[in-house]
Amino acid sequence: MQKKMTTSKPMDRFYSKNSKPKMEVIEVEEFLRNPPPGFTVEANVRADVRFVKSDPEYYCVFIDNFESSDGGKVVFQHSPGKKVKVRNLRDYTCFRKSITSKKIYLLVSACEEKAFSENKVPQSGLLKDAVCIYTKA
């Protein structure tokens, strides 16, 4: 007698039945003032730069360097930014394993869309920058 093979839904292999992914959003300035556990912020006052450090073994950070609202530069160390190059299958496998097993940190912006002007080009106004944290469990 043969056993019937069952296939699972694509996401079943990443999540247990009881765990649900969750997303949290923190304003950038709050994130820099009170970094979450596992992150440290070091300020270089002379250069007007803040370095944000985290352990790449536990966190995937995809945030490019940017200017904060107070005009200082913010640099996330161990972050490839928003573009990731994968050159071969081995790199892809490592990257995929990394993003499916760690917390993911992204920079997001909240904008308001203003009415069309005479030249018919929509204008956007930045409301806030925030760090979005995605956790699978």
Protein backbone atom coordinates (compact mmCIF):
# COMPACT_ATOMS: atom_id res chain seq x y z
CA MET A 1 0.00 0.00 0.00
CA GLN A 2 1.37 3.40 -0.98
CA LYS A 3 1.24 6.40 1.28
CA LYS A 4 -0.51 9.39 -0.14
CA MET A 5 1.81 12.39 -0.36
CA THR A 6 0.32 15.63 0.84
CA THR A 7 1.55 19.02 -0.15
CA SER A 8 1.50 21.94 2.20
CA LYS A 9 0.68 25.51 1.42
CA PRO A 10 3.79 27.50 0.45
CA MET A 11 3.91 29.47 3.70
CA ASP A 12 3.29 26.47 5.98
CA ARG A 13 6.94 25.51 5.95
CA PHE A 14 7.94 28.92 7.38
CA TYR A 15 5.30 29.35 10.08
CA SER A 16 3.91 27.01 12.66
CA LYS A 17 0.14 26.73 12.78
CA ASN A 18 -0.07 28.94 15.89
CA SER A 19 2.33 31.70 14.86
CA LYS A 20 1.25 34.69 12.84
CA PRO A 21 3.53 37.28 11.29
CA LYS A 22 3.35 40.73 12.82
CA MET A 23 4.44 44.17 11.77
CA GLU A 24 5.42 47.08 13.99
CA VAL A 25 6.13 50.67 12.96
CA ILE A 26 8.33 53.07 14.96
CA GLU A 27 9.05 56.70 14.04
CA VAL A 28 12.69 57.12 13.01
CA GLU A 29 13.45 59.72 15.69
CA GLU A 30 11.99 57.45 18.38
CA PHE A 31 13.99 54.52 16.99
CA LEU A 32 17.19 56.60 17.21
CA ARG A 33 16.41 57.95 20.72
CA ASN A 34 15.40 54.55 22.16
CA PRO A 35 16.74 51.78 19.92
CA PRO A 36 15.08 48.37 20.31
CA PRO A 37 16.97 45.52 21.99
CA GLY A 38 19.86 44.36 19.80
CA PHE A 39 20.50 47.82 18.34
CA THR A 40 22.86 50.59 19.46
CA VAL A 41 23.13 54.15 18.22
CA GLU A 42 26.51 55.89 18.40
CA ALA A 43 26.73 59.59 17.62
CA ASN A 44 29.74 61.31 16.08
CA VAL A 45 28.91 64.90 17.01
CA ARG A 46 31.81 66.43 15.11
CA ALA A 47 30.78 64.77 11.82
CA ASP A 48 27.03 65.07 12.59
CA VAL A 49 26.54 61.35 11.91
CA ARG A 50 24.72 58.67 13.90
CA PHE A 51 25.79 55.07 13.40
CA VAL A 52 23.14 52.41 14.03
CA LYS A 53 24.64 49.01 14.79
CA SER A 54 22.93 45.63 14.99
CA ASP A 55 23.92 41.99 14.89
CA PRO A 56 23.45 40.70 11.31
CA GLU A 57 23.07 37.20 12.68
CA TYR A 58 19.70 38.08 14.21
CA TYR A 59 18.42 41.03 12.17
CA CYS A 60 18.04 41.81 8.45
CA VAL A 61 18.27 45.56 7.98
CA PHE A 62 17.48 46.96 4.52
CA ILE A 63 17.90 50.70 5.10
CA ASP A 64 20.05 53.05 3.03
CA ASN A 65 21.92 55.94 4.64
CA PHE A 66 19.65 58.99 4.96
CA GLU A 67 19.35 62.49 6.40
CA SER A 68 17.25 62.69 9.56
CA SER A 69 14.75 65.46 10.22
CA ASP A 70 17.34 67.35 12.30
CA GLY A 71 19.70 67.40 9.30
CA GLY A 72 22.20 64.81 10.54
CA LYS A 73 23.23 61.75 8.57
CA VAL A 74 22.10 58.31 9.76
CA VAL A 75 24.13 55.24 8.77
CA PHE A 76 22.84 51.70 9.36
CA GLN A 77 25.87 49.44 9.57
CA HIS A 78 25.56 45.84 8.29
CA SER A 79 22.76 46.96 5.95
CA PRO A 80 22.93 46.22 2.23
CA GLY A 81 20.40 49.01 1.66
CA LYS A 82 17.34 48.52 -0.45
CA LYS A 83 19.13 46.72 -3.28
CA VAL A 84 20.52 43.22 -2.85
CA LYS A 85 22.58 41.48 -5.54
CA VAL A 86 22.50 37.71 -5.73
CA ARG A 87 25.11 36.30 -8.10
CA ASN A 88 24.47 32.58 -7.90
CA LEU A 89 22.19 29.93 -6.46
CA ARG A 90 24.27 29.61 -3.29
CA ASP A 91 23.99 33.36 -2.60
CA TYR A 92 20.26 33.19 -3.26
CA THR A 93 19.81 30.25 -0.88
CA CYS A 94 21.74 32.02 1.89
CA PHE A 95 19.81 35.25 1.36
CA ARG A 96 16.45 33.48 1.35
CA LYS A 97 17.28 31.59 4.53
CA SER A 98 18.39 34.83 6.12
CA ILE A 99 15.20 36.77 5.41
CA THR A 100 12.90 33.90 6.39
CA SER A 101 14.55 33.32 9.76
CA LYS A 102 15.22 36.82 11.11
CA LYS A 103 13.44 40.05 11.97
CA ILE A 104 13.39 42.40 9.00
CA TYR A 105 13.86 46.17 9.37
CA LEU A 106 12.84 48.56 6.55
CA LEU A 107 12.60 52.33 6.22
CA VAL A 108 9.13 53.50 5.20
CA SER A 109 7.76 56.98 4.58
CA ALA A 110 4.26 58.27 5.16
CA CYS A 111 3.28 60.90 2.61
CA GLU A 112 0.21 62.91 1.83
CA GLU A 113 -0.73 63.40 -1.76
CA LYS A 114 -1.66 66.97 -2.54
CA ALA A 115 -4.13 68.03 -5.19
CA PHE A 116 -2.95 68.29 -8.77
CA SER A 117 -1.37 71.61 -9.66
CA GLU A 118 -1.75 73.46 -12.94
CA ASN A 119 0.98 71.42 -14.60
CA LYS A 120 -0.99 68.25 -13.74
CA VAL A 121 1.84 66.68 -11.73
CA PRO A 122 0.85 65.30 -8.32
CA GLN A 123 2.91 66.67 -5.45
CA SER A 124 3.63 64.68 -2.33
CA GLY A 125 4.44 65.99 1.12
CA LEU A 126 6.46 63.84 3.50
CA LEU A 127 4.66 63.39 6.80
CA LYS A 128 6.98 61.02 8.70
CA ASP A 129 9.76 58.51 8.21
CA ALA A 130 9.43 55.31 10.19
CA VAL A 131 11.16 51.98 10.68
CA CYS A 132 8.95 49.00 9.89
CA ILE A 133 9.77 45.78 11.77
CA TYR A 134 8.48 42.51 10.33
CA THR A 135 8.54 39.45 12.56
CA LYS A 136 7.36 36.07 11.40
CA ALA A 137 6.43 34.75 14.84
